[in-house]
Structures are given as C-alpha cells and as structure tokens.
N, C-alpha and C. Protein backbone atom coordinates (compact mmCIF):
# COMPACT_ATOMS: atom_id res chain seq x y z
N MET A 1 15.37 3.05 -34.09
CA MET A 1 14.35 2.21 -33.55
C MET A 1 15.10 1.61 -31.88
N MET A 2 16.12 0.61 -32.55
CA MET A 2 17.23 0.55 -31.16
C MET A 2 17.66 1.20 -30.54
N ALA A 3 17.77 2.49 -30.88
CA ALA A 3 18.21 3.71 -29.33
C ALA A 3 17.24 3.94 -28.35
N THR A 4 16.22 3.99 -29.67
CA THR A 4 14.74 4.09 -28.23
C THR A 4 14.68 2.90 -27.26
N GLN A 5 14.93 1.82 -27.79
CA GLN A 5 14.51 0.97 -26.99
C GLN A 5 15.72 0.75 -26.14
N THR A 6 16.40 1.21 -26.13
CA THR A 6 17.70 0.80 -25.23
C THR A 6 18.01 1.63 -24.38
N GLN A 7 17.60 2.83 -24.39
CA GLN A 7 16.88 4.46 -23.82
C GLN A 7 15.59 3.60 -22.36
N HIS A 8 15.03 3.15 -23.36
CA HIS A 8 13.96 3.07 -22.74
C HIS A 8 14.20 1.93 -21.57
N GLU A 9 15.02 1.11 -21.62
CA GLU A 9 15.54 -0.23 -21.22
C GLU A 9 16.60 0.08 -19.78
N SER A 10 16.98 1.20 -20.34
CA SER A 10 18.46 1.56 -19.37
C SER A 10 17.20 2.87 -18.30
N LYS A 11 16.14 3.46 -18.55
CA LYS A 11 15.50 4.14 -17.90
C LYS A 11 14.72 3.23 -16.77
N ARG A 12 14.32 2.07 -17.28
CA ARG A 12 13.22 0.83 -16.38
C ARG A 12 14.57 0.60 -15.22
N LYS A 13 16.08 0.27 -15.65
CA LYS A 13 16.65 -0.32 -15.07
C LYS A 13 17.35 0.86 -13.83
N LEU A 14 17.17 1.87 -14.34
CA LEU A 14 17.26 3.37 -12.98
C LEU A 14 15.81 2.93 -12.16
N LEU A 15 15.27 3.06 -12.52
CA LEU A 15 13.73 3.15 -11.67
C LEU A 15 13.60 1.69 -11.25
N ASP A 16 14.00 0.57 -11.58
CA ASP A 16 13.32 -0.84 -10.54
C ASP A 16 14.67 -0.50 -9.69
N ALA A 17 15.74 0.09 -9.73
CA ALA A 17 17.47 0.26 -8.67
C ALA A 17 16.51 1.21 -7.82
N ALA A 18 15.88 2.21 -8.35
CA ALA A 18 15.57 3.47 -7.22
C ALA A 18 14.86 2.42 -6.05
N LEU A 19 13.63 1.61 -6.71
CA LEU A 19 12.79 1.12 -5.62
C LEU A 19 13.50 0.28 -4.97
N HIS A 20 14.60 -0.45 -4.75
CA HIS A 20 14.83 -1.73 -4.48
C HIS A 20 16.19 -0.52 -2.90
N VAL A 21 16.74 0.22 -3.92
CA VAL A 21 17.95 1.13 -3.03
C VAL A 21 17.10 1.95 -1.82
N ILE A 22 16.09 2.79 -2.84
CA ILE A 22 15.51 3.48 -1.22
C ILE A 22 14.73 2.82 -0.51
N ARG A 23 14.13 2.01 -0.86
CA ARG A 23 13.33 1.04 0.51
C ARG A 23 14.14 0.70 1.24
N ALA A 24 15.94 0.20 0.84
CA ALA A 24 16.83 -0.48 1.74
C ALA A 24 17.49 0.68 2.60
N LYS A 25 17.93 2.26 2.04
CA LYS A 25 18.77 2.82 3.20
C LYS A 25 18.13 4.42 2.92
N GLY A 26 16.42 4.35 2.25
CA GLY A 26 15.74 5.37 2.43
C GLY A 26 16.51 6.80 1.72
N TYR A 27 15.78 7.52 1.78
CA TYR A 27 15.80 8.53 0.23
C TYR A 27 17.47 9.42 0.39
N THR A 28 17.47 10.10 1.42
CA THR A 28 18.27 11.08 1.81
C THR A 28 19.65 10.04 2.24
N ALA A 29 19.81 9.08 2.66
CA ALA A 29 21.06 8.16 2.48
C ALA A 29 21.64 7.98 0.82
N THR A 30 20.28 7.68 0.10
CA THR A 30 21.01 6.98 -1.05
C THR A 30 21.31 7.79 -2.22
N ARG A 31 22.30 7.24 -2.41
CA ARG A 31 23.08 8.57 -3.51
C ARG A 31 22.91 8.34 -5.14
N VAL A 32 23.23 9.02 -6.12
CA VAL A 32 23.05 8.48 -7.21
C VAL A 32 23.95 7.34 -7.60
N GLU A 33 25.47 7.74 -7.26
CA GLU A 33 26.24 6.24 -7.14
C GLU A 33 25.79 4.67 -7.06
N ASP A 34 24.61 5.35 -5.77
CA ASP A 34 24.20 3.74 -5.35
C ASP A 34 23.24 3.18 -6.18
N ILE A 35 22.02 4.25 -6.72
CA ILE A 35 21.17 3.84 -8.20
C ILE A 35 22.21 2.97 -9.48
N CYS A 36 22.84 4.05 -9.67
CA CYS A 36 23.11 3.68 -10.47
C CYS A 36 24.34 1.94 -11.03
N GLU A 37 24.97 1.93 -9.43
CA GLU A 37 25.38 0.54 -9.35
C GLU A 37 24.87 -0.35 -9.18
N GLU A 38 23.78 -0.08 -8.59
CA GLU A 38 22.27 -1.34 -8.59
C GLU A 38 21.71 -1.60 -10.00
N ALA A 39 21.74 -0.47 -10.76
CA ALA A 39 21.15 -0.84 -12.30
C ALA A 39 22.47 -1.65 -13.18
N GLY A 40 23.38 -1.12 -13.12
CA GLY A 40 24.45 -1.54 -13.65
C GLY A 40 24.80 -0.69 -14.51
N LEU A 41 24.93 0.59 -14.52
CA LEU A 41 24.87 2.29 -15.63
C LEU A 41 25.42 2.84 -15.09
N THR A 42 25.87 3.75 -16.17
CA THR A 42 26.91 5.34 -15.30
C THR A 42 26.18 5.93 -14.51
N LYS A 43 26.80 7.29 -14.03
CA LYS A 43 26.38 8.03 -14.09
C LYS A 43 26.03 9.13 -15.30
N GLY A 44 26.61 8.79 -16.61
CA GLY A 44 26.07 9.43 -17.39
C GLY A 44 24.71 9.45 -18.31
N SER A 45 24.28 7.74 -17.95
CA SER A 45 23.11 7.20 -18.24
C SER A 45 21.77 8.35 -17.65
N PHE A 46 22.23 7.63 -15.66
CA PHE A 46 21.39 8.43 -14.86
C PHE A 46 21.06 9.94 -15.19
N PHE A 47 22.11 10.70 -15.76
CA PHE A 47 22.04 12.01 -16.09
C PHE A 47 21.18 12.15 -17.57
N HIS A 48 21.17 11.66 -18.09
CA HIS A 48 20.64 11.56 -19.47
C HIS A 48 18.88 11.34 -19.45
N HIS A 49 18.42 11.08 -18.26
CA HIS A 49 17.30 10.44 -18.20
C HIS A 49 16.55 11.24 -17.02
N PHE A 50 17.61 11.61 -16.02
CA PHE A 50 17.15 12.62 -14.67
C PHE A 50 17.88 13.62 -14.33
N ARG A 51 17.33 14.93 -14.15
CA ARG A 51 18.40 15.87 -13.83
C ARG A 51 18.58 15.79 -12.08
N SER A 52 18.20 14.90 -11.57
CA SER A 52 18.75 15.33 -10.08
C SER A 52 17.85 13.95 -9.28
N LYS A 53 18.54 13.83 -8.54
CA LYS A 53 17.60 12.29 -7.42
C LYS A 53 16.59 12.55 -7.41
N GLU A 54 16.30 14.00 -7.02
CA GLU A 54 14.73 13.78 -6.08
C GLU A 54 13.75 13.92 -7.42
N GLU A 55 14.17 13.94 -8.91
CA GLU A 55 13.04 14.33 -10.34
C GLU A 55 13.20 12.49 -10.48
N LEU A 56 14.68 11.81 -10.19
CA LEU A 56 14.72 10.07 -9.82
C LEU A 56 13.37 9.76 -9.30
N ALA A 57 13.29 10.35 -7.96
CA ALA A 57 12.38 10.01 -6.85
C ALA A 57 10.99 9.91 -7.20
N LEU A 58 11.12 11.11 -8.05
CA LEU A 58 9.03 11.32 -8.59
C LEU A 58 8.38 10.60 -9.38
N ALA A 59 9.96 10.02 -10.78
CA ALA A 59 9.86 9.40 -11.19
C ALA A 59 9.16 7.69 -10.69
N ALA A 60 10.19 7.53 -9.67
CA ALA A 60 10.19 6.30 -9.09
C ALA A 60 8.40 6.29 -8.14
N ALA A 61 8.31 7.10 -7.78
CA ALA A 61 6.89 7.20 -7.41
C ALA A 61 6.07 6.79 -7.88
N GLU A 62 6.03 7.61 -9.18
CA GLU A 62 4.90 7.20 -10.65
C GLU A 62 4.95 5.50 -10.80
N TYR A 63 6.13 5.24 -10.79
CA TYR A 63 6.14 3.94 -11.46
C TYR A 63 6.03 2.93 -10.38
N TRP A 64 6.40 3.05 -8.96
CA TRP A 64 5.82 2.42 -7.95
C TRP A 64 4.22 2.33 -8.12
N ASN A 65 3.73 3.22 -8.42
CA ASN A 65 1.94 3.33 -8.33
C ASN A 65 1.32 2.75 -9.70
N LEU A 66 2.33 2.47 -10.71
CA LEU A 66 2.27 1.45 -11.66
C LEU A 66 2.14 -0.17 -11.66
N MET A 67 3.30 0.02 -10.86
CA MET A 67 3.56 -1.44 -10.79
C MET A 67 2.69 -2.14 -9.84
N THR A 68 2.34 -1.65 -8.57
CA THR A 68 1.50 -2.01 -7.65
C THR A 68 0.23 -1.96 -7.88
N GLY A 69 -0.58 -1.07 -8.48
CA GLY A 69 -1.56 -0.97 -9.31
C GLY A 69 -1.68 -2.22 -10.48
N GLN A 70 -0.96 -2.74 -11.12
CA GLN A 70 -1.59 -3.81 -11.35
C GLN A 70 -1.13 -4.74 -10.60
N LEU A 71 -0.69 -5.07 -9.68
CA LEU A 71 -0.61 -6.14 -8.90
C LEU A 71 -1.60 -6.38 -8.16
N PHE A 72 -1.85 -5.83 -7.60
CA PHE A 72 -3.19 -4.59 -6.87
C PHE A 72 -4.71 -5.61 -7.45
N ARG A 73 -4.87 -4.61 -8.83
CA ARG A 73 -6.03 -5.25 -9.64
C ARG A 73 -6.06 -6.56 -10.25
N GLY A 74 -5.21 -7.45 -10.44
CA GLY A 74 -4.85 -8.34 -10.77
C GLY A 74 -5.16 -9.34 -9.78
N ALA A 75 -5.42 -8.98 -8.39
CA ALA A 75 -5.23 -10.19 -7.13
C ALA A 75 -6.82 -10.66 -6.71
N ALA A 76 -6.59 -11.95 -6.08
CA ALA A 76 -8.11 -12.62 -6.38
C ALA A 76 -8.66 -11.85 -5.52
N TYR A 77 -8.41 -11.33 -4.49
CA TYR A 77 -9.57 -10.78 -3.13
C TYR A 77 -10.76 -10.05 -4.08
N HIS A 78 -10.72 -9.72 -5.14
CA HIS A 78 -11.58 -8.53 -6.60
C HIS A 78 -12.81 -9.63 -6.02
N THR A 79 -12.98 -11.00 -6.18
CA THR A 79 -13.61 -11.98 -6.69
C THR A 79 -14.95 -12.30 -5.71
N ALA A 80 -14.24 -12.17 -4.71
CA ALA A 80 -15.49 -12.29 -3.78
C ALA A 80 -17.14 -11.57 -3.52
N SER A 81 -17.73 -12.24 -3.39
CA SER A 81 -18.90 -11.79 -3.45
C SER A 81 -19.53 -10.50 -2.38
N ASP A 82 -19.13 -11.27 -1.44
CA ASP A 82 -19.77 -10.21 -0.59
C ASP A 82 -18.72 -9.10 0.01
N PRO A 83 -18.97 -7.74 0.10
CA PRO A 83 -18.03 -6.91 0.23
C PRO A 83 -16.77 -6.78 1.44
N VAL A 84 -17.73 -7.39 2.57
CA VAL A 84 -16.67 -7.72 3.48
C VAL A 84 -15.17 -8.79 3.51
N ASP A 85 -16.13 -9.76 2.97
CA ASP A 85 -15.00 -10.46 2.36
C ASP A 85 -13.85 -10.04 1.55
N ARG A 86 -14.38 -9.46 0.53
CA ARG A 86 -13.08 -8.67 -0.35
C ARG A 86 -12.23 -8.17 0.83
N LEU A 87 -12.83 -7.33 1.19
CA LEU A 87 -12.00 -6.73 2.22
C LEU A 87 -11.09 -7.27 2.76
N LEU A 88 -11.77 -8.40 3.78
CA LEU A 88 -10.87 -9.51 4.45
C LEU A 88 -9.93 -10.11 3.75
N ALA A 89 -10.08 -10.11 2.35
CA ALA A 89 -9.09 -11.14 1.51
C ALA A 89 -7.89 -10.43 0.87
N TYR A 90 -8.19 -8.24 1.13
CA TYR A 90 -7.39 -8.19 0.86
C TYR A 90 -6.55 -7.57 1.71
N VAL A 91 -6.88 -7.75 3.34
CA VAL A 91 -5.84 -7.75 4.33
C VAL A 91 -5.03 -8.67 3.74
N ASP A 92 -5.35 -10.44 4.02
CA ASP A 92 -4.85 -11.18 3.64
C ASP A 92 -3.78 -11.25 2.75
N PHE A 93 -4.28 -11.16 1.89
CA PHE A 93 -3.22 -10.28 0.60
C PHE A 93 -2.15 -9.45 0.91
N ARG A 94 -2.49 -8.71 1.90
CA ARG A 94 -1.31 -7.80 2.22
C ARG A 94 -0.32 -8.72 3.29
N LYS A 95 -0.87 -9.31 4.14
CA LYS A 95 -0.25 -10.46 4.82
C LYS A 95 0.64 -11.54 3.79
N GLU A 96 0.27 -12.06 2.89
CA GLU A 96 0.56 -12.65 1.82
C GLU A 96 2.11 -12.07 1.32
N LEU A 97 2.12 -10.74 0.95
CA LEU A 97 2.99 -9.82 0.42
C LEU A 97 4.44 -9.94 1.77
N LEU A 98 4.21 -10.37 2.75
CA LEU A 98 5.24 -9.56 3.92
C LEU A 98 6.23 -11.35 3.25
N LYS A 99 6.81 -11.01 2.23
CA LYS A 99 8.11 -11.77 1.98
C LYS A 99 9.13 -11.38 1.70
N GLY A 100 10.12 -12.18 2.41
CA GLY A 100 12.08 -12.29 1.37
C GLY A 100 12.50 -10.80 2.69
N GLU A 101 13.23 -10.51 2.00
CA GLU A 101 14.21 -9.09 2.60
C GLU A 101 13.08 -7.63 2.57
N LEU A 102 13.78 -6.87 3.98
CA LEU A 102 12.57 -5.56 3.97
C LEU A 102 12.34 -4.87 2.51
N PRO A 103 13.24 -4.52 2.08
CA PRO A 103 13.32 -3.67 0.67
C PRO A 103 12.40 -4.63 -0.02
N GLU A 104 11.78 -5.74 0.36
CA GLU A 104 11.49 -6.44 -0.74
C GLU A 104 9.73 -6.52 -0.87
N PHE A 105 9.34 -5.86 0.61
CA PHE A 105 8.27 -5.82 0.88
C PHE A 105 7.50 -4.73 1.74
N THR A 106 8.58 -3.80 1.84
CA THR A 106 7.80 -2.66 2.46
C THR A 106 7.62 -1.51 1.43
N CYS A 107 6.95 -0.73 1.85
CA CYS A 107 6.42 0.72 0.53
C CYS A 107 7.71 1.72 0.35
N LEU A 108 7.94 1.90 -0.88
CA LEU A 108 8.43 2.88 -1.56
C LEU A 108 8.24 4.43 -1.27
N VAL A 109 6.44 4.42 -1.49
CA VAL A 109 6.20 6.27 -0.69
C VAL A 109 6.13 6.32 1.06
N GLY A 110 5.60 4.72 1.39
CA GLY A 110 5.79 4.96 2.85
C GLY A 110 7.60 5.57 3.66
N THR A 111 8.44 4.97 3.22
CA THR A 111 9.64 5.12 3.16
C THR A 111 10.49 6.56 2.87
N MET A 112 9.65 6.90 1.62
CA MET A 112 9.85 8.73 1.39
C MET A 112 9.30 9.58 2.32
N VAL A 113 8.44 9.06 2.16
CA VAL A 113 7.57 10.27 3.13
C VAL A 113 7.68 10.87 4.18
N GLN A 114 8.26 9.19 4.79
CA GLN A 114 8.63 10.18 6.30
C GLN A 114 9.67 10.36 6.12
N GLU A 115 10.97 11.03 5.56
CA GLU A 115 12.06 11.73 5.27
C GLU A 115 11.74 13.06 4.44
N VAL A 116 11.04 12.86 3.81
CA VAL A 116 10.52 14.24 2.65
C VAL A 116 9.86 15.64 3.23
N TYR A 117 8.81 14.74 3.88
CA TYR A 117 7.72 15.26 4.44
C TYR A 117 7.62 16.78 4.73
N GLU A 118 8.87 17.44 4.65
CA GLU A 118 8.89 19.08 5.16
C GLU A 118 9.51 19.70 4.16
N THR A 119 10.86 18.85 3.74
CA THR A 119 12.03 19.30 3.18
C THR A 119 11.84 19.49 1.07
N HIS A 120 10.97 18.36 0.54
CA HIS A 120 10.56 17.83 -0.67
C HIS A 120 9.18 17.87 -0.64
N PRO A 121 8.41 19.35 -0.69
CA PRO A 121 6.82 19.47 -1.04
C PRO A 121 6.71 18.50 -2.07
N HIS A 122 7.05 18.58 -3.19
CA HIS A 122 6.54 18.30 -4.27
C HIS A 122 6.72 16.61 -4.16
N LEU A 123 7.72 15.98 -3.85
CA LEU A 123 8.25 14.59 -2.99
C LEU A 123 7.10 14.21 -2.47
N ARG A 124 6.72 14.74 -1.19
CA ARG A 124 5.57 14.57 -0.26
C ARG A 124 4.50 14.38 -0.98
N GLU A 125 4.17 15.43 -2.14
CA GLU A 125 2.71 15.17 -2.80
C GLU A 125 3.04 14.35 -3.41
N ALA A 126 3.44 13.76 -4.24
CA ALA A 126 3.32 12.55 -4.64
C ALA A 126 3.46 11.10 -4.16
N CYS A 127 3.71 11.34 -2.72
CA CYS A 127 3.58 10.07 -1.73
C CYS A 127 2.24 10.01 -1.17
N GLU A 128 1.86 11.34 -0.77
CA GLU A 128 0.50 11.29 -0.65
C GLU A 128 -0.60 11.20 -1.56
N GLY A 129 0.05 11.02 -2.63
CA GLY A 129 -0.85 10.91 -4.13
C GLY A 129 -1.11 9.08 -4.09
N SER A 130 0.04 8.69 -3.86
CA SER A 130 -0.10 7.25 -3.58
C SER A 130 -0.99 6.51 -3.20
N ILE A 131 -0.35 6.99 -1.66
CA ILE A 131 -1.06 6.19 -0.50
C ILE A 131 -2.52 6.81 -0.55
N TRP A 132 -2.97 7.62 -0.60
CA TRP A 132 -4.29 8.29 -0.72
C TRP A 132 -4.97 7.31 -1.97
N GLY A 133 -4.46 7.50 -3.14
CA GLY A 133 -4.97 6.61 -4.38
C GLY A 133 -4.88 5.36 -4.06
N HIS A 134 -4.19 4.43 -3.33
CA HIS A 134 -4.51 2.91 -2.68
C HIS A 134 -5.12 3.01 -2.20
N ALA A 135 -5.51 3.56 -1.38
CA ALA A 135 -6.46 4.02 -0.25
C ALA A 135 -8.06 3.86 -0.88
N ALA A 136 -8.18 4.81 -1.95
CA ALA A 136 -9.14 4.54 -2.74
C ALA A 136 -9.63 3.44 -3.65
N THR A 137 -8.84 3.04 -3.85
CA THR A 137 -9.35 1.60 -3.97
C THR A 137 -10.63 0.59 -3.79
N LEU A 138 -10.12 0.94 -1.88
CA LEU A 138 -11.03 -0.27 -0.59
C LEU A 138 -12.23 0.77 -0.74
N GLU A 139 -12.50 1.77 -0.81
CA GLU A 139 -13.52 2.68 -0.79
C GLU A 139 -14.99 2.01 -0.94
N PRO A 140 -15.11 1.60 -2.45
CA PRO A 140 -16.47 1.23 -3.30
C PRO A 140 -16.91 -0.03 -2.07
N ASP A 141 -15.70 -0.84 -2.09
CA ASP A 141 -16.02 -2.00 -1.09
C ASP A 141 -16.13 -1.89 0.16
N ILE A 142 -15.85 -1.13 1.35
CA ILE A 142 -16.01 -0.29 2.19
C ILE A 142 -17.62 0.07 1.98
N ALA A 143 -17.92 0.99 0.92
CA ALA A 143 -19.12 1.67 1.17
C ALA A 143 -20.23 0.71 0.77
N GLU A 144 -19.99 -0.40 -0.13
CA GLU A 144 -21.15 -1.47 -0.02
C GLU A 144 -21.47 -2.28 1.29
N ALA A 145 -20.37 -2.64 1.66
CA ALA A 145 -20.22 -3.21 2.91
C ALA A 145 -21.30 -2.84 4.03
N MET A 146 -20.90 -1.24 4.02
CA MET A 146 -21.46 -0.24 5.41
C MET A 146 -23.06 -0.73 4.63
N ARG A 147 -23.35 -0.59 3.32
CA ARG A 147 -24.47 -0.62 3.08
C ARG A 147 -25.36 -1.64 3.64
N VAL A 148 -25.14 -3.08 2.45
CA VAL A 148 -25.53 -4.52 2.92
C VAL A 148 -25.52 -4.94 4.21
N HIS A 149 -24.56 -4.54 5.13
CA HIS A 149 -24.26 -4.72 6.57
C HIS A 149 -25.26 -3.63 7.44
N GLY A 150 -25.73 -2.52 6.98
CA GLY A 150 -26.21 -1.76 8.17
C GLY A 150 -25.39 -1.13 9.00
N VAL A 151 -23.64 -1.13 8.56
CA VAL A 151 -23.23 -0.33 9.87
C VAL A 151 -23.46 1.07 9.58
N LYS A 152 -23.50 1.91 10.52
CA LYS A 152 -23.50 3.50 10.35
C LYS A 152 -22.61 3.80 11.30
N GLY A 153 -22.02 4.86 11.36
CA GLY A 153 -21.14 5.32 12.44
C GLY A 153 -21.09 6.69 11.82
N GLU A 154 -19.75 7.05 12.87
CA GLU A 154 -19.86 8.55 13.04
C GLU A 154 -17.99 8.66 12.01
N TRP A 155 -18.29 8.35 10.71
CA TRP A 155 -16.70 7.72 10.21
C TRP A 155 -17.41 7.43 8.69
N THR A 156 -16.21 7.31 7.85
CA THR A 156 -16.63 7.49 6.13
C THR A 156 -16.03 6.20 5.57
N ALA A 157 -16.37 5.65 4.68
CA ALA A 157 -15.69 4.32 4.00
C ALA A 157 -14.36 4.98 3.38
N ARG A 158 -14.17 6.37 3.45
CA ARG A 158 -12.72 6.70 2.95
C ARG A 158 -12.15 6.70 4.12
N SER A 159 -12.16 7.17 5.27
CA SER A 159 -11.80 6.82 6.47
C SER A 159 -10.97 5.60 6.88
N LEU A 160 -11.81 4.75 6.70
CA LEU A 160 -11.48 3.56 7.29
C LEU A 160 -10.78 2.93 6.14
N ALA A 161 -10.98 3.77 5.05
CA ALA A 161 -9.99 2.87 3.90
C ALA A 161 -7.99 3.19 4.47
N LEU A 162 -8.30 4.81 4.47
CA LEU A 162 -6.93 5.45 5.05
C LEU A 162 -6.63 4.78 6.54
N HIS A 163 -6.95 4.81 7.27
CA HIS A 163 -7.02 3.85 8.71
C HIS A 163 -6.61 2.44 8.45
N THR A 164 -6.75 1.63 7.11
CA THR A 164 -6.06 0.53 6.90
C THR A 164 -4.56 1.13 6.21
N GLN A 165 -4.44 1.69 5.96
CA GLN A 165 -3.13 2.46 4.95
C GLN A 165 -2.41 2.74 6.59
N ALA A 166 -3.13 3.29 7.41
CA ALA A 166 -2.31 3.64 8.71
C ALA A 166 -1.67 2.53 9.08
N VAL A 167 -2.22 1.73 9.07
CA VAL A 167 -2.23 0.19 10.09
C VAL A 167 -0.89 -0.38 9.06
N ILE A 168 -1.45 -0.90 8.03
CA ILE A 168 -0.06 -1.01 7.02
C ILE A 168 1.26 -0.41 6.90
N GLN A 169 0.79 0.70 6.82
CA GLN A 169 2.55 1.75 6.83
C GLN A 169 2.83 1.50 7.93
N GLY A 170 2.34 1.86 9.38
CA GLY A 170 2.78 1.11 10.70
C GLY A 170 3.55 0.08 10.93
N SER A 171 3.33 -1.09 10.21
CA SER A 171 3.58 -2.43 10.55
C SER A 171 4.47 -2.41 9.49
N PHE A 172 5.45 -1.95 8.80
CA PHE A 172 6.19 -1.85 7.78
C PHE A 172 7.55 -1.14 9.15
N ILE A 173 6.79 -0.02 9.99
CA ILE A 173 7.89 0.78 10.26
C ILE A 173 8.19 -0.50 12.05
N LEU A 174 7.46 -1.30 12.13
CA LEU A 174 7.44 -1.83 13.39
C LEU A 174 9.00 -3.41 12.56
N ALA A 175 8.40 -3.69 11.64
CA ALA A 175 9.01 -4.56 10.62
C ALA A 175 10.84 -4.53 10.80
N LYS A 176 10.52 -2.71 10.28
CA LYS A 176 12.14 -2.36 10.62
C LYS A 176 12.90 -2.27 11.79
N ALA A 177 11.79 -1.57 12.48
CA ALA A 177 12.64 -1.76 13.78
C ALA A 177 12.77 -3.45 14.14
N HIS A 178 12.06 -4.30 14.59
CA HIS A 178 12.32 -5.46 14.52
C HIS A 178 13.36 -6.11 13.80
N GLY A 179 13.65 -5.75 12.38
CA GLY A 179 14.16 -6.19 11.54
C GLY A 179 13.66 -7.59 10.98
N GLY A 180 12.22 -8.06 10.52
CA GLY A 180 11.67 -8.86 10.20
C GLY A 180 9.85 -8.65 9.99
N PRO A 181 9.54 -9.58 9.17
CA PRO A 181 7.97 -9.35 8.64
C PRO A 181 6.79 -9.90 10.15
N GLU A 182 7.73 -10.62 11.30
CA GLU A 182 6.75 -11.36 11.69
C GLU A 182 5.82 -9.68 12.34
N VAL A 183 6.32 -9.36 13.45
CA VAL A 183 5.56 -8.02 13.75
C VAL A 183 4.74 -7.57 12.78
N ALA A 184 4.81 -7.30 11.64
CA ALA A 184 4.04 -7.09 10.85
C ALA A 184 2.90 -7.86 10.68
N ALA A 185 3.09 -8.90 10.35
CA ALA A 185 2.14 -9.79 10.39
C ALA A 185 1.06 -10.05 11.47
N GLU A 186 1.25 -9.40 12.60
CA GLU A 186 0.67 -9.62 14.17
C GLU A 186 -0.19 -8.43 13.60
N SER A 187 0.63 -7.50 13.13
CA SER A 187 -0.29 -6.34 13.29
C SER A 187 -1.32 -6.40 12.02
N ILE A 188 -0.83 -6.83 10.95
CA ILE A 188 -2.61 -7.00 9.85
C ILE A 188 -3.52 -7.78 10.40
N ASP A 189 -2.89 -9.28 11.34
CA ASP A 189 -3.90 -10.10 12.00
C ASP A 189 -4.85 -9.41 12.62
N HIS A 190 -4.35 -8.60 13.67
CA HIS A 190 -5.05 -7.34 14.35
C HIS A 190 -5.94 -6.55 14.00
N LEU A 191 -5.51 -6.15 12.30
CA LEU A 191 -6.61 -4.95 11.58
C LEU A 191 -7.60 -5.94 10.80
N ARG A 192 -6.96 -7.33 10.40
CA ARG A 192 -8.31 -8.25 10.32
C ARG A 192 -9.20 -8.36 11.28
N ARG A 193 -8.77 -8.74 12.85
CA ARG A 193 -9.73 -9.29 13.23
C ARG A 193 -10.48 -7.67 13.65
N TYR A 194 -10.15 -6.90 13.76
CA TYR A 194 -11.08 -4.83 13.87
C TYR A 194 -11.91 -4.74 12.72
N LEU A 195 -11.64 -5.07 11.33
CA LEU A 195 -12.79 -5.43 10.44
C LEU A 195 -13.92 -6.30 11.10
N GLU A 196 -13.31 -7.59 11.15
CA GLU A 196 -14.36 -8.68 11.17
C GLU A 196 -15.35 -7.76 12.92
N GLY A 197 -15.00 -7.34 13.79
CA GLY A 197 -15.81 -7.00 14.54
C GLY A 197 -16.28 -5.69 14.08
N LEU A 198 -15.99 -5.14 13.07
CA LEU A 198 -16.45 -3.52 12.78
C LEU A 198 -17.91 -4.20 12.03
N PHE A 199 -17.68 -4.83 11.66
CA PHE A 199 -19.23 -5.46 10.58
C PHE A 199 -19.63 -6.40 11.54
N GLU A 200 -19.24 -7.40 12.04
CA GLU A 200 -19.84 -8.66 11.95
C GLU A 200 -20.77 -8.16 13.63
N ARG A 201 -20.35 -7.36 14.08
CA ARG A 201 -21.27 -6.69 15.20
C ARG A 201 -22.23 -6.24 14.97
N GLU A 202 -22.68 -5.22 14.02
CA GLU A 202 -23.76 -4.59 13.60
C GLU A 202 -24.65 -5.84 12.34
N ALA A 203 -24.18 -6.90 12.23
CA ALA A 203 -24.71 -7.70 11.34
C ALA A 203 -25.21 -8.95 12.36
N GLY A 204 -24.94 -8.99 13.44
CA GLY A 204 -25.15 -10.01 14.69
C GLY A 204 -26.17 -9.52 15.45
N SER A 205 -26.13 -7.92 15.67
CA SER A 205 -27.50 -7.15 16.22
C SER A 205 -28.42 -7.37 15.35
N ARG A 206 -28.40 -7.15 14.19
CA ARG A 206 -29.72 -7.18 13.24
C ARG A 206 -30.09 -8.48 13.08
N LYS A 207 -29.30 -9.63 13.11
CA LYS A 207 -29.99 -10.87 13.56
C LYS A 207 -30.54 -11.11 14.65
N ARG A 208 -29.91 -10.39 15.89
CA ARG A 208 -30.95 -11.09 17.11
C ARG A 208 -31.76 -9.94 17.30
N GLU A 209 -31.75 -8.85 16.17
CA GLU A 209 -32.92 -8.36 17.00
C GLU A 209 -34.37 -8.85 15.76
N ALA A 210 -33.96 -9.00 14.66
CA ALA A 210 -34.81 -9.77 13.54
C ALA A 210 -35.41 -11.49 14.39
N LYS A 211 -34.71 -11.57 15.21
CA LYS A 211 -35.20 -13.12 15.48
C LYS A 211 -36.14 -13.02 16.61
N PRO A 212 -37.41 -14.12 16.40
CA PRO A 212 -38.68 -14.04 16.67
C PRO A 212 -38.68 -14.27 17.93
N THR A 213 -39.72 -13.76 19.06
CA THR A 213 -39.66 -13.95 20.32
C THR A 213 -40.41 -15.20 21.08
N GLN A 214 -40.11 -15.67 22.34
CA GLN A 214 -41.24 -16.97 22.38
C GLN A 214 -42.46 -16.19 22.19
N GLU A 215 -42.82 -15.28 22.43
CA GLU A 215 -44.53 -14.88 22.42
C GLU A 215 -45.01 -15.10 20.69
N GLU A 216 -43.86 -14.59 20.28
CA GLU A 216 -44.69 -14.42 18.53
C GLU A 216 -44.33 -15.75 17.90
N LEU A 217 -43.62 -16.94 18.47
CA LEU A 217 -43.90 -17.64 18.35
C LEU A 217 -44.83 -19.05 19.04
N GLN A 218 -45.65 -18.53 19.91
CA GLN A 218 -46.63 -19.43 20.45
C GLN A 218 -47.87 -18.56 19.87
C-alpha cells in the first residue's frame, strides 16, 4: 500500500513538473532531465512511469484537463442568472487568472500545439481535444444567450465559443512576446467589449422596436 502511494506521488510530481517546465521552455526544448530536476526525482523514476517524453506530455495534457476542469467548474461565473452575464463573468475570470510569471498563467496545451502540430499527431490531437473541450463548456451559455436575447446570425454557439479561445490563446502569445500579462489583459478586455456589443446591440434593437410611437401614445 505504501509503495503504491509513493509511486502515485512521484507520478504526480512529474506531471506537476511537466506543467511548469513545458510552459516555461516549450515542448521541444524540455528534456527529461529538466522534468526530473523540477520534480526532484531520478530518471529511473521517470522511466518507471513513462516510456518517453511524448508519453509524459500526453499524460500531462490529460492531467491539465483534470486540473483546469476542476478550477472552471468551481468558478463563481456559473452563478449569474442571465447567460450573457455568465459569459462576461467567464471572461472576467480569465483575466483574473493572469497572475504571476508567464508559466503560471499560460496554457500548457496551447504552448505544446504550436510546436507539435505537424510532428507529433497524437499530441496534437490531445491538445485539440483539450482546447475544443474547454470551449464546449461555454456553448450552452452562448446558445441560451442567443435564444434569450434574440440574437441570430451566420455563426453558431460553437464557433463563438472557439473564438473566445482563439482570443485567449492569442493573448498568451502576446504576453510571451511582451514579457508580461498587461497586453494579454487588454486583449481579454477587447473580447469582453465584443461580446457585450454582440448581444446588447440586438437586445437594444428589440427594445427600440418595442417602444410605442407617439401616435400609439395619443
């Protein structure tokens, strides 16, 4: 029992180390030795759990999904009654997460997929599944917001959910280029204004149409 618990703990340390080191160095530059040093474990321990760096990265992507899934499921933005308010609160929450050093708030799968999309198909698929899966959690709120506020157009709840991730992932790239979170925060602010305009513009039009004319009042 104790040996099993120790093995589980060492595997978790390697996964935690992978989350930090890959976000700091990128997938290609990260060595098995870097992961072991960060985790405080030996290469023997690494190869007890993983056959290769790619196998570790696949496990890290799954671990990332688990950790971030718990974070977002428990976030307060779900409590707003209006679906647009929930969507805007989600964006606010993403901005609040821009704290600490770059490896602390940037995305593991977004970092990896930029390097491996052509060379490591299984890893690319894992990254795609993670990003698409997170976007899917926004679709119900977007679909309800479209229905409640009478918003229609040549786009879908799915495409808008993916667009939010395009902006957020892009903001991480800008943060890396700039060396800090300020530019990422500005991009997320623009995303918020876009969503406000997308839904309130239609809501405002409906209100103007419903307003009685002077003739109707007389």
